[in-house]
Amino acid sequence: MNSLPCKGCKGLCCGPVSITAKELVKIKKKVKAMPSRLRTNLEKQTRYHGTCIFYDVENDKCGIYSARPEVCKRFGYHKNLACFRNPTLAVSDNYIQKEKIGVLSIDYTWKDF
């Protein structure tokens, strides 16, 4: 599978990020296990409006990569989740998320973690 050209996008593709209840539990566990210095640094970063609260602006990457939601894992490879820098990778049918409980940065903010 080809990889996405994620460096340099400043998190423009990282939102809105909808999550399931199971993903919320996994993310909470990941955030709780973060060293406090790393968490504080990530929490205080300024992002574009609507960008996921876990997008690490300073390092240009996902701050919870191992616990990232399924929609993030599928981004770039489904027609409705095409990457604007390499849309040819989006060859799979539209991705439909089931059991969505909310959106990171809107329904779930740092106060929830």
PDB file of N, CA and C in Angstrom:
ATOM      1  N   MET A   1       0.851  -1.184   0.000  1.00  0.00           N
ATOM      2  CA  MET A   1       0.000   0.000   0.000  1.00  0.00           C
ATOM      3  C   MET A   1       0.893   1.242   0.000  1.00  0.00           C
ATOM      4  N   ASN A   2       0.576   2.172  -0.855  1.00  0.00           N
ATOM      5  CA  ASN A   2       1.323   3.430  -0.886  1.00  0.00           C
ATOM      6  C   ASN A   2       1.020   4.254   0.359  1.00  0.00           C
ATOM      7  N   SER A   3       1.975   5.065   0.748  1.00  0.00           N
ATOM      8  CA  SER A   3       1.762   5.877   1.939  1.00  0.00           C
ATOM      9  C   SER A   3       1.331   7.288   1.563  1.00  0.00           C
ATOM     10  N   LEU A   4       0.723   7.933   2.509  1.00  0.00           N
ATOM     11  CA  LEU A   4       0.237   9.290   2.304  1.00  0.00           C
ATOM     12  C   LEU A   4       1.357  10.305   2.510  1.00  0.00           C
ATOM     13  N   PRO A   5       1.298  11.426   1.799  1.00  0.00           N
ATOM     14  CA  PRO A   5       2.297  12.494   1.962  1.00  0.00           C
ATOM     15  C   PRO A   5       1.901  13.427   3.103  1.00  0.00           C
ATOM     16  N   CYS A   6       1.954  12.924   4.328  1.00  0.00           N
ATOM     17  CA  CYS A   6       1.402  13.658   5.468  1.00  0.00           C
ATOM     18  C   CYS A   6       2.257  14.811   5.982  1.00  0.00           C
ATOM     19  N   LYS A   7       3.518  14.794   5.768  1.00  0.00           N
ATOM     20  CA  LYS A   7       4.357  15.869   6.303  1.00  0.00           C
ATOM     21  C   LYS A   7       4.067  17.192   5.601  1.00  0.00           C
ATOM     22  N   GLY A   8       3.943  18.236   6.400  1.00  0.00           N
ATOM     23  CA  GLY A   8       3.759  19.573   5.849  1.00  0.00           C
ATOM     24  C   GLY A   8       2.328  20.039   5.717  1.00  0.00           C
ATOM     25  N   CYS A   9       1.362  19.222   6.092  1.00  0.00           N
ATOM     26  CA  CYS A   9      -0.045  19.605   5.949  1.00  0.00           C
ATOM     27  C   CYS A   9      -0.571  20.412   7.129  1.00  0.00           C
ATOM     28  N   LYS A  10       0.170  20.455   8.209  1.00  0.00           N
ATOM     29  CA  LYS A  10      -0.206  21.222   9.400  1.00  0.00           C
ATOM     30  C   LYS A  10      -1.541  20.785  10.004  1.00  0.00           C
ATOM     31  N   GLY A  11      -1.915  19.533   9.775  1.00  0.00           N
ATOM     32  CA  GLY A  11      -3.143  19.004  10.358  1.00  0.00           C
ATOM     33  C   GLY A  11      -4.412  19.384   9.641  1.00  0.00           C
ATOM     34  N   LEU A  12      -4.319  19.924   8.443  1.00  0.00           N
ATOM     35  CA  LEU A  12      -5.513  20.328   7.709  1.00  0.00           C
ATOM     36  C   LEU A  12      -6.466  19.163   7.461  1.00  0.00           C
ATOM     37  N   CYS A  13      -5.934  17.978   7.344  1.00  0.00           N
ATOM     38  CA  CYS A  13      -6.749  16.780   7.096  1.00  0.00           C
ATOM     39  C   CYS A  13      -7.237  16.142   8.385  1.00  0.00           C
ATOM     40  N   CYS A  14      -6.733  16.603   9.503  1.00  0.00           N
ATOM     41  CA  CYS A  14      -7.024  15.970  10.794  1.00  0.00           C
ATOM     42  C   CYS A  14      -8.244  16.574  11.463  1.00  0.00           C
ATOM     43  N   GLY A  15      -9.349  16.515  10.798  1.00  0.00           N
ATOM     44  CA  GLY A  15     -10.580  16.997  11.388  1.00  0.00           C
ATOM     45  C   GLY A  15     -11.641  17.210  10.342  1.00  0.00           C
ATOM     46  N   PRO A  16     -12.884  17.092  10.728  1.00  0.00           N
ATOM     47  CA  PRO A  16     -13.310  16.624  12.039  1.00  0.00           C
ATOM     48  C   PRO A  16     -13.063  15.117  12.188  1.00  0.00           C
ATOM     49  N   VAL A  17     -12.755  14.711  13.405  1.00  0.00           N
ATOM     50  CA  VAL A  17     -12.458  13.311  13.698  1.00  0.00           C
ATOM     51  C   VAL A  17     -13.567  12.757  14.589  1.00  0.00           C
ATOM     52  N   SER A  18     -14.437  11.953  13.982  1.00  0.00           N
ATOM     53  CA  SER A  18     -15.509  11.333  14.753  1.00  0.00           C
ATOM     54  C   SER A  18     -14.994  10.044  15.375  1.00  0.00           C
ATOM     55  N   ILE A  19     -15.527   9.728  16.553  1.00  0.00           N
ATOM     56  CA  ILE A  19     -15.056   8.556  17.288  1.00  0.00           C
ATOM     57  C   ILE A  19     -16.220   7.699  17.788  1.00  0.00           C
ATOM     58  N   THR A  20     -15.884   6.454  18.101  1.00  0.00           N
ATOM     59  CA  THR A  20     -16.853   5.530  18.699  1.00  0.00           C
ATOM     60  C   THR A  20     -16.579   5.447  20.202  1.00  0.00           C
ATOM     61  N   ALA A  21     -17.482   4.821  20.919  1.00  0.00           N
ATOM     62  CA  ALA A  21     -17.308   4.659  22.370  1.00  0.00           C
ATOM     63  C   ALA A  21     -16.054   3.834  22.669  1.00  0.00           C
ATOM     64  N   LYS A  22     -15.825   2.799  21.898  1.00  0.00           N
ATOM     65  CA  LYS A  22     -14.649   1.941  22.090  1.00  0.00           C
ATOM     66  C   LYS A  22     -13.363   2.746  21.848  1.00  0.00           C
ATOM     67  N   GLU A  23     -13.366   3.588  20.840  1.00  0.00           N
ATOM     68  CA  GLU A  23     -12.192   4.418  20.548  1.00  0.00           C
ATOM     69  C   GLU A  23     -11.948   5.439  21.653  1.00  0.00           C
ATOM     70  N   LEU A  24     -13.020   5.993  22.213  1.00  0.00           N
ATOM     71  CA  LEU A  24     -12.891   6.952  23.306  1.00  0.00           C
ATOM     72  C   LEU A  24     -12.175   6.313  24.496  1.00  0.00           C
ATOM     73  N   VAL A  25     -12.540   5.095  24.828  1.00  0.00           N
ATOM     74  CA  VAL A  25     -11.888   4.383  25.934  1.00  0.00           C
ATOM     75  C   VAL A  25     -10.402   4.198  25.643  1.00  0.00           C
ATOM     76  N   LYS A  26     -10.081   3.790  24.428  1.00  0.00           N
ATOM     77  CA  LYS A  26      -8.693   3.561  24.022  1.00  0.00           C
ATOM     78  C   LYS A  26      -7.886   4.866  24.071  1.00  0.00           C
ATOM     79  N   ILE A  27      -8.484   5.949  23.606  1.00  0.00           N
ATOM     80  CA  ILE A  27      -7.806   7.257  23.605  1.00  0.00           C
ATOM     81  C   ILE A  27      -7.576   7.731  25.037  1.00  0.00           C
ATOM     82  N   LYS A  28      -8.586   7.586  25.888  1.00  0.00           N
ATOM     83  CA  LYS A  28      -8.432   7.999  27.291  1.00  0.00           C
ATOM     84  C   LYS A  28      -7.290   7.251  27.961  1.00  0.00           C
ATOM     85  N   LYS A  29      -7.184   5.961  27.679  1.00  0.00           N
ATOM     86  CA  LYS A  29      -6.107   5.147  28.238  1.00  0.00           C
ATOM     87  C   LYS A  29      -4.752   5.644  27.738  1.00  0.00           C
ATOM     88  N   LYS A  30      -4.667   5.965  26.458  1.00  0.00           N
ATOM     89  CA  LYS A  30      -3.422   6.460  25.858  1.00  0.00           C
ATOM     90  C   LYS A  30      -3.024   7.796  26.486  1.00  0.00           C
ATOM     91  N   VAL A  31      -3.968   8.705  26.618  1.00  0.00           N
ATOM     92  CA  VAL A  31      -3.686  10.030  27.176  1.00  0.00           C
ATOM     93  C   VAL A  31      -3.287   9.920  28.651  1.00  0.00           C
ATOM     94  N   LYS A  32      -3.958   9.068  29.385  1.00  0.00           N
ATOM     95  CA  LYS A  32      -3.631   8.880  30.802  1.00  0.00           C
ATOM     96  C   LYS A  32      -2.202   8.358  30.979  1.00  0.00           C
ATOM     97  N   ALA A  33      -1.741   7.542  30.040  1.00  0.00           N
ATOM     98  CA  ALA A  33      -0.397   6.971  30.113  1.00  0.00           C
ATOM     99  C   ALA A  33       0.701   7.914  29.610  1.00  0.00           C
ATOM    100  N   MET A  34       0.315   9.037  29.026  1.00  0.00           N
ATOM    101  CA  MET A  34       1.295  10.004  28.511  1.00  0.00           C
ATOM    102  C   MET A  34       2.062  10.658  29.648  1.00  0.00           C
ATOM    103  N   PRO A  35       3.339  10.883  29.465  1.00  0.00           N
ATOM    104  CA  PRO A  35       4.070  11.687  30.453  1.00  0.00           C
ATOM    105  C   PRO A  35       3.415  13.073  30.530  1.00  0.00           C
ATOM    106  N   SER A  36       3.302  13.621  31.732  1.00  0.00           N
ATOM    107  CA  SER A  36       2.586  14.887  31.908  1.00  0.00           C
ATOM    108  C   SER A  36       3.177  16.017  31.068  1.00  0.00           C
ATOM    109  N   ARG A  37       4.489  16.027  30.911  1.00  0.00           N
ATOM    110  CA  ARG A  37       5.122  17.074  30.098  1.00  0.00           C
ATOM    111  C   ARG A  37       4.675  16.996  28.631  1.00  0.00           C
ATOM    112  N   LEU A  38       4.604  15.788  28.104  1.00  0.00           N
ATOM    113  CA  LEU A  38       4.163  15.585  26.726  1.00  0.00           C
ATOM    114  C   LEU A  38       2.703  15.977  26.564  1.00  0.00           C
ATOM    115  N   ARG A  39       1.873  15.547  27.502  1.00  0.00           N
ATOM    116  CA  ARG A  39       0.448  15.884  27.451  1.00  0.00           C
ATOM    117  C   ARG A  39       0.247  17.396  27.503  1.00  0.00           C
ATOM    118  N   THR A  40       0.912  18.065  28.443  1.00  0.00           N
ATOM    119  CA  THR A  40       0.779  19.519  28.585  1.00  0.00           C
ATOM    120  C   THR A  40       1.218  20.222  27.321  1.00  0.00           C
ATOM    121  N   ASN A  41       2.328  19.794  26.746  1.00  0.00           N
ATOM    122  CA  ASN A  41       2.815  20.399  25.508  1.00  0.00           C
ATOM    123  C   ASN A  41       1.796  20.227  24.385  1.00  0.00           C
ATOM    124  N   LEU A  42       1.256  19.044  24.243  1.00  0.00           N
ATOM    125  CA  LEU A  42       0.279  18.767  23.200  1.00  0.00           C
ATOM    126  C   LEU A  42      -1.000  19.560  23.417  1.00  0.00           C
ATOM    127  N   GLU A  43      -1.431  19.639  24.645  1.00  0.00           N
ATOM    128  CA  GLU A  43      -2.666  20.345  24.987  1.00  0.00           C
ATOM    129  C   GLU A  43      -2.574  21.842  24.708  1.00  0.00           C
ATOM    130  N   LYS A  44      -1.430  22.442  24.908  1.00  0.00           N
ATOM    131  CA  LYS A  44      -1.278  23.897  24.792  1.00  0.00           C
ATOM    132  C   LYS A  44      -0.980  24.380  23.367  1.00  0.00           C
ATOM    133  N   GLN A  45      -0.789  23.479  22.440  1.00  0.00           N
ATOM    134  CA  GLN A  45      -0.483  23.879  21.061  1.00  0.00           C
ATOM    135  C   GLN A  45      -1.686  24.542  20.395  1.00  0.00           C
ATOM    136  N   THR A  46      -1.420  25.514  19.543  1.00  0.00           N
ATOM    137  CA  THR A  46      -2.463  26.198  18.789  1.00  0.00           C
ATOM    138  C   THR A  46      -2.637  25.503  17.448  1.00  0.00           C
ATOM    139  N   ARG A  47      -3.869  25.124  17.147  1.00  0.00           N
ATOM    140  CA  ARG A  47      -4.184  24.430  15.906  1.00  0.00           C
ATOM    141  C   ARG A  47      -5.203  25.212  15.101  1.00  0.00           C
ATOM    142  N   TYR A  48      -5.343  24.847  13.821  1.00  0.00           N
ATOM    143  CA  TYR A  48      -6.418  25.412  13.014  1.00  0.00           C
ATOM    144  C   TYR A  48      -7.743  24.995  13.627  1.00  0.00           C
ATOM    145  N   HIS A  49      -8.749  25.852  13.538  1.00  0.00           N
ATOM    146  CA  HIS A  49     -10.086  25.552  14.055  1.00  0.00           C
ATOM    147  C   HIS A  49     -10.597  24.252  13.430  1.00  0.00           C
ATOM    148  N   GLY A  50     -11.066  23.333  14.257  1.00  0.00           N
ATOM    149  CA  GLY A  50     -11.601  22.075  13.774  1.00  0.00           C
ATOM    150  C   GLY A  50     -10.585  20.956  13.664  1.00  0.00           C
ATOM    151  N   THR A  51      -9.303  21.299  13.780  1.00  0.00           N
ATOM    152  CA  THR A  51      -8.267  20.269  13.730  1.00  0.00           C
ATOM    153  C   THR A  51      -8.316  19.458  15.020  1.00  0.00           C
ATOM    154  N   CYS A  52      -8.065  18.182  14.898  1.00  0.00           N
ATOM    155  CA  CYS A  52      -8.106  17.276  16.045  1.00  0.00           C
ATOM    156  C   CYS A  52      -7.218  17.798  17.179  1.00  0.00           C
ATOM    157  N   ILE A  53      -7.707  17.685  18.392  1.00  0.00           N
ATOM    158  CA  ILE A  53      -6.960  18.146  19.569  1.00  0.00           C
ATOM    159  C   ILE A  53      -5.685  17.352  19.794  1.00  0.00           C
ATOM    160  N   PHE A  54      -5.561  16.204  19.162  1.00  0.00           N
ATOM    161  CA  PHE A  54      -4.375  15.373  19.355  1.00  0.00           C
ATOM    162  C   PHE A  54      -3.348  15.527  18.232  1.00  0.00           C
ATOM    163  N   TYR A  55      -3.628  16.406  17.276  1.00  0.00           N
ATOM    164  CA  TYR A  55      -2.650  16.655  16.222  1.00  0.00           C
ATOM    165  C   TYR A  55      -1.493  17.455  16.835  1.00  0.00           C
ATOM    166  N   ASP A  56      -0.291  16.927  16.706  1.00  0.00           N
ATOM    167  CA  ASP A  56       0.910  17.553  17.265  1.00  0.00           C
ATOM    168  C   ASP A  56       1.489  18.516  16.229  1.00  0.00           C
ATOM    169  N   VAL A  57       1.185  19.786  16.382  1.00  0.00           N
ATOM    170  CA  VAL A  57       1.612  20.827  15.438  1.00  0.00           C
ATOM    171  C   VAL A  57       3.134  20.924  15.374  1.00  0.00           C
ATOM    172  N   GLU A  58       3.772  20.873  16.523  1.00  0.00           N
ATOM    173  CA  GLU A  58       5.223  21.049  16.583  1.00  0.00           C
ATOM    174  C   GLU A  58       5.984  19.932  15.877  1.00  0.00           C
ATOM    175  N   ASN A  59       5.463  18.724  15.927  1.00  0.00           N
ATOM    176  CA  ASN A  59       6.139  17.581  15.309  1.00  0.00           C
ATOM    177  C   ASN A  59       5.458  17.098  14.034  1.00  0.00           C
ATOM    178  N   ASP A  60       4.392  17.784  13.629  1.00  0.00           N
ATOM    179  CA  ASP A  60       3.670  17.486  12.391  1.00  0.00           C
ATOM    180  C   ASP A  60       3.272  16.009  12.308  1.00  0.00           C
ATOM    181  N   LYS A  61       2.584  15.539  13.379  1.00  0.00           N
ATOM    182  CA  LYS A  61       2.151  14.147  13.397  1.00  0.00           C
ATOM    183  C   LYS A  61       1.030  13.961  14.425  1.00  0.00           C
ATOM    184  N   CYS A  62       0.451  12.790  14.421  1.00  0.00           N
ATOM    185  CA  CYS A  62      -0.595  12.461  15.383  1.00  0.00           C
ATOM    186  C   CYS A  62       0.018  12.224  16.750  1.00  0.00           C
ATOM    187  N   GLY A  63      -0.527  12.870  17.761  1.00  0.00           N
ATOM    188  CA  GLY A  63      -0.020  12.729  19.116  1.00  0.00           C
ATOM    189  C   GLY A  63      -0.483  11.466  19.820  1.00  0.00           C
ATOM    190  N   ILE A  64      -1.462  10.770  19.239  1.00  0.00           N
ATOM    191  CA  ILE A  64      -1.968   9.518  19.822  1.00  0.00           C
ATOM    192  C   ILE A  64      -1.976   8.414  18.762  1.00  0.00           C
ATOM    193  N   TYR A  65      -0.991   8.419  17.893  1.00  0.00           N
ATOM    194  CA  TYR A  65      -0.979   7.554  16.714  1.00  0.00           C
ATOM    195  C   TYR A  65      -1.378   6.104  16.990  1.00  0.00           C
ATOM    196  N   SER A  66      -0.848   5.489  18.006  1.00  0.00           N
ATOM    197  CA  SER A  66      -1.165   4.080  18.276  1.00  0.00           C
ATOM    198  C   SER A  66      -2.615   3.881  18.737  1.00  0.00           C
ATOM    199  N   ALA A  67      -3.278   4.948  19.157  1.00  0.00           N
ATOM    200  CA  ALA A  67      -4.673   4.878  19.605  1.00  0.00           C
ATOM    201  C   ALA A  67      -5.604   5.686  18.697  1.00  0.00           C
ATOM    202  N   ARG A  68      -5.109   6.078  17.532  1.00  0.00           N
ATOM    203  CA  ARG A  68      -5.920   6.922  16.650  1.00  0.00           C
ATOM    204  C   ARG A  68      -7.190   6.197  16.206  1.00  0.00           C
ATOM    205  N   PRO A  69      -8.264   6.949  15.966  1.00  0.00           N
ATOM    206  CA  PRO A  69      -9.537   6.363  15.556  1.00  0.00           C
ATOM    207  C   PRO A  69      -9.460   5.702  14.171  1.00  0.00           C
ATOM    208  N   GLU A  70     -10.401   4.843  13.925  1.00  0.00           N
ATOM    209  CA  GLU A  70     -10.466   4.112  12.655  1.00  0.00           C
ATOM    210  C   GLU A  70     -10.564   5.055  11.461  1.00  0.00           C
ATOM    211  N   VAL A  71     -11.314   6.144  11.597  1.00  0.00           N
ATOM    212  CA  VAL A  71     -11.453   7.079  10.476  1.00  0.00           C
ATOM    213  C   VAL A  71     -10.082   7.650  10.081  1.00  0.00           C
ATOM    214  N   CYS A  72      -9.209   7.809  11.029  1.00  0.00           N
ATOM    215  CA  CYS A  72      -7.855   8.294  10.743  1.00  0.00           C
ATOM    216  C   CYS A  72      -7.031   7.230  10.013  1.00  0.00           C
ATOM    217  N   LYS A  73      -7.206   5.993  10.418  1.00  0.00           N
ATOM    218  CA  LYS A  73      -6.492   4.894   9.773  1.00  0.00           C
ATOM    219  C   LYS A  73      -6.925   4.732   8.321  1.00  0.00           C
ATOM    220  N   ARG A  74      -8.172   5.029   8.053  1.00  0.00           N
ATOM    221  CA  ARG A  74      -8.728   4.849   6.706  1.00  0.00           C
ATOM    222  C   ARG A  74      -8.581   6.094   5.822  1.00  0.00           C
ATOM    223  N   PHE A  75      -8.210   7.192   6.426  1.00  0.00           N
ATOM    224  CA  PHE A  75      -8.092   8.435   5.675  1.00  0.00           C
ATOM    225  C   PHE A  75      -7.104   8.283   4.518  1.00  0.00           C
ATOM    226  N   GLY A  76      -7.501   8.794   3.372  1.00  0.00           N
ATOM    227  CA  GLY A  76      -6.659   8.781   2.185  1.00  0.00           C
ATOM    228  C   GLY A  76      -6.892   7.603   1.274  1.00  0.00           C
ATOM    229  N   TYR A  77      -7.537   6.562   1.782  1.00  0.00           N
ATOM    230  CA  TYR A  77      -7.706   5.337   1.006  1.00  0.00           C
ATOM    231  C   TYR A  77      -9.153   5.064   0.592  1.00  0.00           C
ATOM    232  N   HIS A  78     -10.082   5.909   1.037  1.00  0.00           N
ATOM    233  CA  HIS A  78     -11.490   5.783   0.671  1.00  0.00           C
ATOM    234  C   HIS A  78     -11.912   7.024  -0.100  1.00  0.00           C
ATOM    235  N   LYS A  79     -12.838   6.847  -1.025  1.00  0.00           N
ATOM    236  CA  LYS A  79     -13.247   7.944  -1.917  1.00  0.00           C
ATOM    237  C   LYS A  79     -13.743   9.168  -1.159  1.00  0.00           C
ATOM    238  N   ASN A  80     -14.444   8.978  -0.058  1.00  0.00           N
ATOM    239  CA  ASN A  80     -14.950  10.118   0.703  1.00  0.00           C
ATOM    240  C   ASN A  80     -13.945  10.638   1.738  1.00  0.00           C
ATOM    241  N   LEU A  81     -12.767  10.041   1.777  1.00  0.00           N
ATOM    242  CA  LEU A  81     -11.707  10.477   2.698  1.00  0.00           C
ATOM    243  C   LEU A  81     -10.401  10.697   1.933  1.00  0.00           C
ATOM    244  N   ALA A  82     -10.510  11.218   0.736  1.00  0.00           N
ATOM    245  CA  ALA A  82      -9.339  11.389  -0.132  1.00  0.00           C
ATOM    246  C   ALA A  82      -8.400  12.465   0.390  1.00  0.00           C
ATOM    247  N   CYS A  83      -7.115  12.201   0.248  1.00  0.00           N
ATOM    248  CA  CYS A  83      -6.082  13.176   0.594  1.00  0.00           C
ATOM    249  C   CYS A  83      -5.952  14.162  -0.564  1.00  0.00           C
ATOM    250  N   PHE A  84      -6.003  15.436  -0.283  1.00  0.00           N
ATOM    251  CA  PHE A  84      -5.929  16.421  -1.358  1.00  0.00           C
ATOM    252  C   PHE A  84      -4.562  16.455  -2.028  1.00  0.00           C
ATOM    253  N   ARG A  85      -3.536  15.947  -1.360  1.00  0.00           N
ATOM    254  CA  ARG A  85      -2.194  15.931  -1.946  1.00  0.00           C
ATOM    255  C   ARG A  85      -1.936  14.687  -2.786  1.00  0.00           C
ATOM    256  N   ASN A  86      -2.696  13.624  -2.560  1.00  0.00           N
ATOM    257  CA  ASN A  86      -2.552  12.413  -3.362  1.00  0.00           C
ATOM    258  C   ASN A  86      -3.898  11.692  -3.441  1.00  0.00           C
ATOM    259  N   PRO A  87      -4.849  12.277  -4.165  1.00  0.00           N
ATOM    260  CA  PRO A  87      -6.195  11.694  -4.232  1.00  0.00           C
ATOM    261  C   PRO A  87      -6.247  10.351  -4.960  1.00  0.00           C
ATOM    262  N   THR A  88      -5.232   9.999  -5.714  1.00  0.00           N
ATOM    263  CA  THR A  88      -5.241   8.731  -6.447  1.00  0.00           C
ATOM    264  C   THR A  88      -5.167   7.518  -5.530  1.00  0.00           C
ATOM    265  N   LEU A  89      -4.783   7.711  -4.273  1.00  0.00           N
ATOM    266  CA  LEU A  89      -4.742   6.594  -3.328  1.00  0.00           C
ATOM    267  C   LEU A  89      -6.135   6.178  -2.867  1.00  0.00           C
ATOM    268  N   ALA A  90      -7.111   7.048  -3.038  1.00  0.00           N
ATOM    269  CA  ALA A  90      -8.472   6.790  -2.565  1.00  0.00           C
ATOM    270  C   ALA A  90      -9.222   5.912  -3.568  1.00  0.00           C
ATOM    271  N   VAL A  91      -8.971   4.626  -3.514  1.00  0.00           N
ATOM    272  CA  VAL A  91      -9.582   3.698  -4.457  1.00  0.00           C
ATOM    273  C   VAL A  91     -10.694   2.857  -3.829  1.00  0.00           C
ATOM    274  N   SER A  92     -10.761   2.808  -2.508  1.00  0.00           N
ATOM    275  CA  SER A  92     -11.806   2.033  -1.832  1.00  0.00           C
ATOM    276  C   SER A  92     -13.120   2.806  -1.828  1.00  0.00           C
ATOM    277  N   ASP A  93     -14.211   2.067  -1.709  1.00  0.00           N
ATOM    278  CA  ASP A  93     -15.530   2.712  -1.623  1.00  0.00           C
ATOM    279  C   ASP A  93     -15.580   3.647  -0.430  1.00  0.00           C
ATOM    280  N   ASN A  94     -16.631   4.437  -0.359  1.00  0.00           N
ATOM    281  CA  ASN A  94     -16.793   5.371   0.750  1.00  0.00           C
ATOM    282  C   ASN A  94     -16.742   4.645   2.091  1.00  0.00           C
ATOM    283  N   TYR A  95     -16.114   5.287   3.060  1.00  0.00           N
ATOM    284  CA  TYR A  95     -16.041   4.750   4.412  1.00  0.00           C
ATOM    285  C   TYR A  95     -17.244   5.254   5.185  1.00  0.00           C
ATOM    286  N   ILE A  96     -17.933   4.335   5.840  1.00  0.00           N
ATOM    287  CA  ILE A  96     -19.089   4.701   6.661  1.00  0.00           C
ATOM    288  C   ILE A  96     -18.802   4.260   8.084  1.00  0.00           C
ATOM    289  N   GLN A  97     -18.763   5.225   8.971  1.00  0.00           N
ATOM    290  CA  GLN A  97     -18.475   4.933  10.375  1.00  0.00           C
ATOM    291  C   GLN A  97     -19.766   4.629  11.108  1.00  0.00           C
ATOM    292  N   LYS A  98     -19.730   3.561  11.865  1.00  0.00           N
ATOM    293  CA  LYS A  98     -20.906   3.167  12.645  1.00  0.00           C
ATOM    294  C   LYS A  98     -20.656   3.483  14.114  1.00  0.00           C
ATOM    295  N   GLU A  99     -21.730   3.662  14.842  1.00  0.00           N
ATOM    296  CA  GLU A  99     -21.663   3.856  16.291  1.00  0.00           C
ATOM    297  C   GLU A  99     -20.947   5.130  16.728  1.00  0.00           C
ATOM    298  N   LYS A 100     -20.927   6.131  15.911  1.00  0.00           N
ATOM    299  CA  LYS A 100     -20.267   7.389  16.254  1.00  0.00           C
ATOM    300  C   LYS A 100     -20.928   8.016  17.479  1.00  0.00           C
ATOM    301  N   ILE A 101     -20.087   8.465  18.436  1.00  0.00           N
ATOM    302  CA  ILE A 101     -20.639   9.102  19.637  1.00  0.00           C
ATOM    303  C   ILE A 101     -20.303  10.592  19.710  1.00  0.00           C
ATOM    304  N   GLY A 102     -19.376  11.039  18.887  1.00  0.00           N
ATOM    305  CA  GLY A 102     -19.006  12.445  18.930  1.00  0.00           C
ATOM    306  C   GLY A 102     -17.777  12.732  18.097  1.00  0.00           C
ATOM    307  N   VAL A 103     -17.348  13.984  18.162  1.00  0.00           N
ATOM    308  CA  VAL A 103     -16.229  14.470  17.364  1.00  0.00           C
ATOM    309  C   VAL A 103     -15.177  15.088  18.274  1.00  0.00           C
ATOM    310  N   LEU A 104     -13.918  14.667  18.067  1.00  0.00           N
ATOM    311  CA  LEU A 104     -12.812  15.268  18.817  1.00  0.00           C
ATOM    312  C   LEU A 104     -12.698  16.735  18.447  1.00  0.00           C
ATOM    313  N   SER A 105     -12.451  17.583  19.402  1.00  0.00           N
ATOM    314  CA  SER A 105     -12.341  19.048  19.277  1.00  0.00           C
ATOM    315  C   SER A 105     -13.683  19.748  19.387  1.00  0.00           C
ATOM    316  N   ILE A 106     -14.775  19.012  19.194  1.00  0.00           N
ATOM    317  CA  ILE A 106     -16.106  19.621  19.294  1.00  0.00           C
ATOM    318  C   ILE A 106     -16.840  19.035  20.499  1.00  0.00           C
ATOM    319  N   ASP A 107     -17.113  17.736  20.428  1.00  0.00           N
ATOM    320  CA  ASP A 107     -17.822  17.060  21.529  1.00  0.00           C
ATOM    321  C   ASP A 107     -16.872  16.633  22.643  1.00  0.00           C
ATOM    322  N   TYR A 108     -15.637  16.365  22.265  1.00  0.00           N
ATOM    323  CA  TYR A 108     -14.611  15.942  23.238  1.00  0.00           C
ATOM    324  C   TYR A 108     -13.410  16.856  23.116  1.00  0.00           C
ATOM    325  N   THR A 109     -13.116  17.530  24.205  1.00  0.00           N
ATOM    326  CA  THR A 109     -11.966  18.450  24.254  1.00  0.00           C
ATOM    327  C   THR A 109     -11.013  17.981  25.348  1.00  0.00           C
ATOM    328  N   TRP A 110      -9.948  18.716  25.557  1.00  0.00           N
ATOM    329  CA  TRP A 110      -8.955  18.303  26.545  1.00  0.00           C
ATOM    330  C   TRP A 110      -9.546  18.114  27.937  1.00  0.00           C
ATOM    331  N   LYS A 111     -10.582  18.827  28.284  1.00  0.00           N
ATOM    332  CA  LYS A 111     -11.195  18.673  29.612  1.00  0.00           C
ATOM    333  C   LYS A 111     -11.781  17.279  29.823  1.00  0.00           C
ATOM    334  N   ASP A 112     -12.054  16.576  28.722  1.00  0.00           N
ATOM    335  CA  ASP A 112     -12.613  15.230  28.798  1.00  0.00           C
ATOM    336  C   ASP A 112     -11.541  14.153  28.969  1.00  0.00           C
ATOM    337  N   PHE A 113     -10.282  14.584  28.912  1.00  0.00           N
ATOM    338  CA  PHE A 113      -9.193  13.623  29.009  1.00  0.00           C
ATOM    339  C   PHE A 113      -8.304  13.938  30.188  1.00  0.00           C
TER     340      PHE A 113
END
